[in-house]
Amino acid sequence: MRALIQRVTEASVRVDGNVIGQIGPGLLVLVCAMQGDAADAPARMAAKIAKLRIFKDDTGKMNRSLLDTGGAALIVSQFTLAGDTSRGNRPGFSSAAAPDDGRAAYGDFIAQVQALGITVATGTFGADMAVSLTNDGPVTLWLDI
């Protein structure tokens, strides 16, 4: 499983011009299930993201986690994170999980994040979405589990 996370002051996702998910301070999580992911990948990714100490403490150091701050997560499926551009200029996506597997992993990941007590908003799997955000920092991290 692969994720790109961004610390945000706010983020939202629209489908057909309608806001379907939005958060205030927290994390925008773009997530992609990959071929060969272990069954526990969604749970491990959720735990890692929830505990990442990337929010500022009282001294300005990145020392607090999403769990510490009570922030929310906007979770958006993003199969293009599997894009391979090593051969030519057109990305290949063969390392992404098959759509049915990706949908199941996405749903499991959302459930795992919610089970940790984090408020979650989501996009729609497979939809053409417009994501808006205000990156805080900016802080952006790439994670592979």
Protein backbone atom coordinates (compact mmCIF):
# COMPACT_ATOMS: atom_id res chain seq x y z
CA MET A 1 0.00 0.00 0.00
CA ARG A 2 1.26 3.44 -0.88
CA ALA A 3 0.17 6.82 0.45
CA LEU A 4 1.02 10.44 -0.09
CA ILE A 5 0.10 12.47 2.96
CA GLN A 6 -0.08 16.22 3.28
CA ARG A 7 -0.50 18.17 6.50
CA VAL A 8 -3.33 20.61 5.81
CA THR A 9 -5.20 23.44 7.42
CA GLU A 10 -8.18 22.43 5.28
CA ALA A 11 -9.00 20.10 2.41
CA SER A 12 -12.01 19.04 0.38
CA VAL A 13 -12.96 16.77 -2.47
CA ARG A 14 -15.65 17.35 -5.08
CA VAL A 15 -17.40 14.99 -7.47
CA ASP A 16 -19.51 16.53 -10.24
CA GLY A 17 -19.06 19.94 -8.60
CA ASN A 18 -20.48 18.80 -5.25
CA VAL A 19 -18.36 18.66 -2.08
CA ILE A 20 -18.52 15.09 -0.84
CA GLY A 21 -15.83 15.30 1.82
CA GLN A 22 -14.05 18.06 3.67
CA ILE A 23 -11.91 18.57 6.77
CA GLY A 24 -10.28 21.35 8.73
CA PRO A 25 -6.80 20.82 10.25
CA GLY A 26 -5.39 17.35 9.72
CA LEU A 27 -4.12 15.19 6.90
CA LEU A 28 -5.05 14.72 3.28
CA VAL A 29 -4.24 11.09 2.54
CA LEU A 30 -4.00 9.99 -1.10
CA VAL A 31 -3.87 6.20 -1.00
CA CYS A 32 -3.23 3.41 -3.51
CA ALA A 33 -3.48 -0.34 -3.04
CA MET A 34 -0.63 -2.11 -4.80
CA GLN A 35 -0.39 -5.60 -6.29
CA GLY A 36 0.95 -8.01 -3.72
CA ASP A 37 -0.06 -5.96 -0.67
CA ALA A 38 -0.26 -8.04 2.50
CA ALA A 39 -3.72 -8.46 4.03
CA ASP A 40 -2.68 -6.34 7.01
CA ALA A 41 -1.35 -3.44 4.88
CA PRO A 42 -4.41 -1.21 5.48
CA ALA A 43 -4.13 -1.65 9.26
CA ARG A 44 -0.38 -1.03 9.27
CA MET A 45 -0.74 2.05 7.05
CA ALA A 46 -3.52 3.44 9.26
CA ALA A 47 -1.44 2.96 12.42
CA LYS A 48 1.64 4.55 10.84
CA ILE A 49 -0.24 7.60 9.59
CA ALA A 50 -2.12 8.12 12.85
CA LYS A 51 1.12 8.07 14.86
CA LEU A 52 3.38 10.11 12.56
CA ARG A 53 4.74 13.02 14.56
CA ILE A 54 4.41 15.73 11.93
CA PHE A 55 2.36 18.37 13.75
CA LYS A 56 4.03 21.18 15.68
CA ASP A 57 4.26 21.13 19.45
CA ASP A 58 4.35 24.24 21.66
CA THR A 59 7.99 24.88 20.71
CA GLY A 60 7.35 24.60 16.97
CA LYS A 61 8.94 21.15 16.53
CA MET A 62 7.19 18.43 14.58
CA ASN A 63 6.48 16.29 17.61
CA ARG A 64 2.72 15.64 17.65
CA SER A 65 0.64 13.09 15.77
CA LEU A 66 -2.84 13.18 14.29
CA LEU A 67 -3.97 11.28 17.39
CA ASP A 68 -2.38 13.92 19.63
CA THR A 69 -3.95 16.87 17.83
CA GLY A 70 -7.43 15.46 17.29
CA GLY A 71 -7.18 16.38 13.61
CA ALA A 72 -9.19 14.75 10.84
CA ALA A 73 -8.21 12.78 7.74
CA LEU A 74 -9.53 13.25 4.21
CA ILE A 75 -8.86 9.92 2.50
CA VAL A 76 -8.91 9.85 -1.30
CA SER A 77 -8.22 6.84 -3.53
CA GLN A 78 -5.42 7.61 -6.00
CA PHE A 79 -4.36 4.73 -8.25
CA THR A 80 -1.94 7.03 -10.10
CA LEU A 81 0.41 6.76 -7.10
CA ALA A 82 1.35 3.43 -8.70
CA GLY A 83 2.49 5.24 -11.85
CA ASP A 84 5.75 3.97 -13.34
CA THR A 85 7.56 6.37 -15.65
CA SER A 86 10.83 4.44 -15.90
CA ARG A 87 10.15 3.48 -19.54
CA GLY A 88 9.10 6.42 -21.63
CA ASN A 89 6.85 9.33 -20.89
CA ARG A 90 3.49 7.65 -20.49
CA PRO A 91 2.99 6.25 -16.97
CA GLY A 92 2.15 2.60 -16.56
CA PHE A 93 -0.11 1.49 -13.72
CA SER A 94 0.36 -2.27 -13.78
CA SER A 95 1.66 -2.29 -10.20
CA ALA A 96 -1.66 -0.96 -8.86
CA ALA A 97 -4.03 -3.50 -7.37
CA ALA A 98 -6.92 -4.68 -9.53
CA PRO A 99 -9.98 -2.43 -9.11
CA ASP A 100 -11.96 -4.84 -6.90
CA ASP A 101 -8.92 -5.43 -4.67
CA GLY A 102 -8.19 -1.70 -4.57
CA ARG A 103 -11.77 -0.88 -3.58
CA ALA A 104 -11.68 -3.45 -0.77
CA ALA A 105 -8.30 -2.22 0.52
CA TYR A 106 -9.49 1.40 0.37
CA GLY A 107 -12.59 0.54 2.41
CA ASP A 108 -10.52 -1.44 4.91
CA PHE A 109 -8.04 1.43 5.26
CA ILE A 110 -10.86 3.91 5.95
CA ALA A 111 -12.34 1.56 8.57
CA GLN A 112 -8.93 1.12 10.22
CA VAL A 113 -8.36 4.88 10.47
CA GLN A 114 -11.86 5.37 11.91
CA ALA A 115 -11.25 2.55 14.42
CA LEU A 116 -8.34 4.60 15.79
CA GLY A 117 -10.82 7.35 16.70
CA ILE A 118 -9.90 9.71 13.88
CA THR A 119 -12.63 11.69 12.13
CA VAL A 120 -12.61 10.67 8.46
CA ALA A 121 -14.01 12.23 5.30
CA THR A 122 -13.57 10.45 1.97
CA GLY A 123 -13.62 10.70 -1.76
CA THR A 124 -15.40 8.19 -3.99
CA PHE A 125 -13.39 5.22 -5.22
CA GLY A 126 -12.91 5.34 -8.98
CA ALA A 127 -14.62 8.71 -9.43
CA ASP A 128 -13.20 11.71 -11.26
CA MET A 129 -12.52 13.97 -8.27
CA ALA A 130 -11.32 17.53 -7.73
CA VAL A 131 -9.24 17.83 -4.56
CA SER A 132 -8.53 21.19 -2.94
CA LEU A 133 -6.19 21.75 -0.04
CA THR A 134 -4.16 24.26 1.87
CA ASN A 135 -0.88 22.50 2.61
CA ASP A 136 0.40 23.45 6.05
CA GLY A 137 4.17 23.90 6.17
CA PRO A 138 4.26 22.60 3.49
CA VAL A 139 4.58 19.08 4.87
CA THR A 140 4.24 16.21 2.39
CA LEU A 141 5.42 12.62 2.92
CA TRP A 142 5.44 9.49 0.78
CA LEU A 143 4.80 6.18 2.56
CA ASP A 144 5.09 2.60 1.35
CA ILE A 145 3.92 -0.25 3.61
